[in-house]
């Protein structure tokens, strides 16, 4: 079954989860152990482990059986956003792209923290290129790092036949826009005029 992949971003997901009855998703590790999924929850009845309170099925098995997981994500950038208009302004303003080449700056950004080497090899200068970088830091597309942008953009959004984890374009673009907003918010908080 091919269910939609839904991610919802929050400044503090725990505040939302206190208000909504839910069952945390479970994921099986390569060694066979189980762990609570970092962000996935179910808002409808699912088989539940009475000892952990988590879904008793791996989130991938659950999807195959038609259970619908929603990922609630903490995105700290929203803590500094004053209003919808402020967020729109931050997201639509062209950032200082060269800041991505500075580890001290890129390590402040969600999803990009610790990936300064990839940013320096690719030097993204648009939302679409930044989205491609987000895809390339996932296992299935790492082979594209260091390739020309024409090659990257031709291959980065194709679903891998191997089944390896990759980032879908819609998610990557959404996160790239959020990172642009975060870049501009940091600059605003530091008093930089962009």
Protein backbone atom coordinates (compact mmCIF):
# COMPACT_ATOMS: atom_id res chain seq x y z
CA UNK A 1 0.00 0.00 0.00
CA UNK A 2 1.33 3.44 -0.89
CA UNK A 3 0.21 5.88 1.83
CA UNK A 4 1.16 9.56 1.75
CA UNK A 5 4.14 10.62 3.84
CA UNK A 6 2.99 13.38 6.20
CA UNK A 7 5.42 15.48 8.25
CA UNK A 8 4.20 18.32 10.45
CA UNK A 9 6.71 20.75 11.97
CA UNK A 10 6.34 22.25 15.44
CA UNK A 11 8.38 24.51 17.69
CA UNK A 12 7.78 21.89 20.44
CA UNK A 13 6.14 18.62 19.41
CA UNK A 14 5.80 17.49 23.04
CA UNK A 15 3.24 20.25 23.73
CA UNK A 16 1.09 18.92 20.90
CA UNK A 17 1.48 15.28 21.93
CA UNK A 18 0.28 16.09 25.46
CA UNK A 19 -3.03 17.21 23.95
CA UNK A 20 -3.62 14.40 21.43
CA UNK A 21 -4.09 10.70 22.19
CA UNK A 22 -1.52 8.80 20.12
CA UNK A 23 0.65 5.68 19.91
CA UNK A 24 4.36 6.15 19.14
CA UNK A 25 5.62 4.29 16.08
CA UNK A 26 8.36 1.67 16.41
CA UNK A 27 11.31 0.96 14.18
CA UNK A 28 13.42 -2.14 13.96
CA UNK A 29 17.18 -1.61 13.93
CA UNK A 30 19.51 -3.58 11.62
CA UNK A 31 20.56 -5.74 14.60
CA UNK A 32 16.92 -6.71 15.22
CA UNK A 33 16.43 -4.54 18.30
CA UNK A 34 13.44 -2.24 18.49
CA UNK A 35 13.35 1.42 19.33
CA UNK A 36 10.73 4.12 19.54
CA UNK A 37 10.52 6.02 16.24
CA UNK A 38 12.01 9.51 16.65
CA UNK A 39 9.03 11.37 15.25
CA UNK A 40 6.31 8.98 14.03
CA UNK A 41 2.98 8.53 15.79
CA UNK A 42 -0.42 7.01 15.04
CA UNK A 43 -3.63 8.83 15.85
CA UNK A 44 -5.83 5.77 15.28
CA UNK A 45 -5.89 2.30 16.88
CA UNK A 46 -2.87 0.13 16.05
CA UNK A 47 -1.51 -3.08 17.62
CA UNK A 48 0.24 -1.80 20.74
CA UNK A 49 2.93 -3.40 22.89
CA UNK A 50 1.54 -3.29 26.46
CA UNK A 51 5.02 -2.96 27.98
CA UNK A 52 6.39 -0.10 25.86
CA UNK A 53 3.17 1.60 24.74
CA UNK A 54 4.59 1.73 21.19
CA UNK A 55 3.06 0.25 18.08
CA UNK A 56 3.95 -3.44 18.10
CA UNK A 57 4.64 -3.44 14.35
CA UNK A 58 7.62 -1.82 12.66
CA UNK A 59 6.47 1.39 10.95
CA UNK A 60 7.19 -0.14 7.54
CA UNK A 61 5.09 -3.23 8.32
CA UNK A 62 2.38 -0.94 9.65
CA UNK A 63 2.27 1.01 6.39
CA UNK A 64 1.97 -2.22 4.39
CA UNK A 65 -1.05 -3.13 6.51
CA UNK A 66 -2.66 0.28 5.96
CA UNK A 67 -1.84 2.02 9.25
CA UNK A 68 -1.13 5.73 8.76
CA UNK A 69 1.91 7.20 10.52
CA UNK A 70 2.31 10.96 10.93
CA UNK A 71 5.74 12.43 11.70
CA UNK A 72 5.64 15.32 14.19
CA UNK A 73 8.97 17.12 14.00
CA UNK A 74 10.65 19.65 16.27
CA UNK A 75 11.92 22.56 14.21
CA UNK A 76 13.53 25.05 16.59
CA UNK A 77 13.58 27.87 14.05
CA UNK A 78 9.88 28.46 14.74
CA UNK A 79 10.73 29.60 18.28
CA UNK A 80 12.15 32.85 16.83
CA UNK A 81 9.34 33.51 14.37
CA UNK A 82 7.02 36.31 15.46
CA UNK A 83 4.11 35.77 13.05
CA UNK A 84 3.02 34.16 9.79
CA UNK A 85 4.05 37.35 7.99
CA UNK A 86 7.49 37.22 9.62
CA UNK A 87 7.92 33.59 8.53
CA UNK A 88 6.88 34.47 4.97
CA UNK A 89 9.40 37.32 4.92
CA UNK A 90 12.20 35.07 6.21
CA UNK A 91 11.39 32.28 3.74
CA UNK A 92 11.09 34.57 0.70
CA UNK A 93 14.19 36.67 1.33
CA UNK A 94 17.33 35.67 -0.59
CA UNK A 95 19.86 34.44 2.01
CA UNK A 96 23.60 34.99 2.11
CA UNK A 97 24.43 31.65 0.45
CA UNK A 98 28.16 32.00 1.17
CA UNK A 99 27.40 31.55 4.88
CA UNK A 100 26.72 27.87 4.16
CA UNK A 101 30.45 27.46 3.50
CA UNK A 102 31.27 28.50 7.08
CA UNK A 103 31.09 25.55 9.49
CA UNK A 104 30.29 27.82 12.44
CA UNK A 105 27.19 28.96 10.59
CA UNK A 106 26.10 25.74 8.86
CA UNK A 107 26.35 23.85 12.16
CA UNK A 108 23.54 26.08 13.47
CA UNK A 109 21.15 24.87 10.77
CA UNK A 110 18.86 21.90 11.17
CA UNK A 111 19.50 18.99 8.78
CA UNK A 112 22.84 20.56 7.74
CA UNK A 113 24.64 20.42 11.08
CA UNK A 114 27.83 18.43 10.58
CA UNK A 115 27.61 18.42 6.77
CA UNK A 116 29.89 21.38 6.05
CA UNK A 117 32.07 19.14 3.87
CA UNK A 118 29.12 18.45 1.54
CA UNK A 119 28.17 22.13 1.45
CA UNK A 120 31.74 23.09 0.50
CA UNK A 121 31.83 20.52 -2.31
CA UNK A 122 28.48 21.61 -3.75
CA UNK A 123 28.21 25.36 -2.92
CA UNK A 124 24.40 25.61 -3.27
CA UNK A 125 23.05 28.99 -4.40
CA UNK A 126 19.31 28.29 -4.71
CA UNK A 127 16.52 26.57 -2.82
CA UNK A 128 16.46 23.78 -5.40
CA UNK A 129 20.22 23.16 -5.05
CA UNK A 130 19.95 23.27 -1.25
CA UNK A 131 17.14 20.69 -1.48
CA UNK A 132 19.43 18.50 -3.60
CA UNK A 133 22.14 18.80 -0.92
CA UNK A 134 19.61 17.59 1.67
CA UNK A 135 18.93 14.61 -0.58
CA UNK A 136 22.64 13.90 -1.08
CA UNK A 137 23.35 13.60 2.64
CA UNK A 138 21.03 10.56 2.66
CA UNK A 139 22.63 7.18 1.86
CA UNK A 140 21.07 6.51 -1.54
CA UNK A 141 22.32 9.74 -3.12
CA UNK A 142 25.72 10.24 -1.47
CA UNK A 143 27.43 9.11 -4.68
CA UNK A 144 26.35 12.43 -6.26
CA UNK A 145 28.45 14.57 -3.90
CA UNK A 146 31.11 16.38 -5.91
CA UNK A 147 29.42 15.78 -9.29
CA UNK A 148 28.42 18.70 -11.54
CA UNK A 149 25.03 20.27 -10.81
CA UNK A 150 23.65 19.10 -14.17
CA UNK A 151 24.34 15.47 -13.18
CA UNK A 152 23.05 15.99 -9.65
CA UNK A 153 19.75 17.53 -10.75
CA UNK A 154 19.21 14.81 -13.36
CA UNK A 155 19.60 11.96 -10.82
CA UNK A 156 18.90 13.23 -7.32
CA UNK A 157 15.11 12.80 -7.36
CA UNK A 158 14.93 9.35 -8.96
CA UNK A 159 13.79 6.60 -6.61
CA UNK A 160 16.67 4.17 -6.01
CA UNK A 161 16.06 0.63 -7.19
CA UNK A 162 18.10 -0.71 -4.25
CA UNK A 163 15.47 0.39 -1.74
CA UNK A 164 18.03 2.54 0.13
CA UNK A 165 16.71 5.51 2.07
CA UNK A 166 16.45 8.67 0.03
CA UNK A 167 14.82 12.07 0.44
CA UNK A 168 11.75 12.81 -1.64
CA UNK A 169 11.77 16.08 -3.56
CA UNK A 170 8.70 17.54 -1.82
CA UNK A 171 10.27 17.02 1.62
CA UNK A 172 13.65 18.31 0.50
CA UNK A 173 12.21 21.50 -1.02
CA UNK A 174 10.11 22.17 2.08
CA UNK A 175 13.13 21.74 4.35
CA UNK A 176 15.31 23.86 2.06
CA UNK A 177 12.79 26.72 2.32
CA UNK A 178 12.74 26.28 6.11
CA UNK A 179 16.57 26.38 6.18
CA UNK A 180 16.52 29.61 4.15
CA UNK A 181 14.11 31.04 6.74
CA UNK A 182 16.44 29.85 9.52
CA UNK A 183 19.47 31.39 7.79
CA UNK A 184 17.69 34.72 7.49
CA UNK A 185 16.42 34.54 11.08
CA UNK A 186 19.96 33.96 12.40
CA UNK A 187 21.22 36.92 10.35
CA UNK A 188 18.32 39.05 11.63
CA UNK A 189 19.06 38.09 15.24
CA UNK A 190 22.75 38.95 14.73
CA UNK A 191 21.82 42.32 13.24
CA UNK A 192 22.99 41.54 9.68
CA UNK A 193 21.12 43.25 6.90
CA UNK A 194 20.53 40.72 4.16
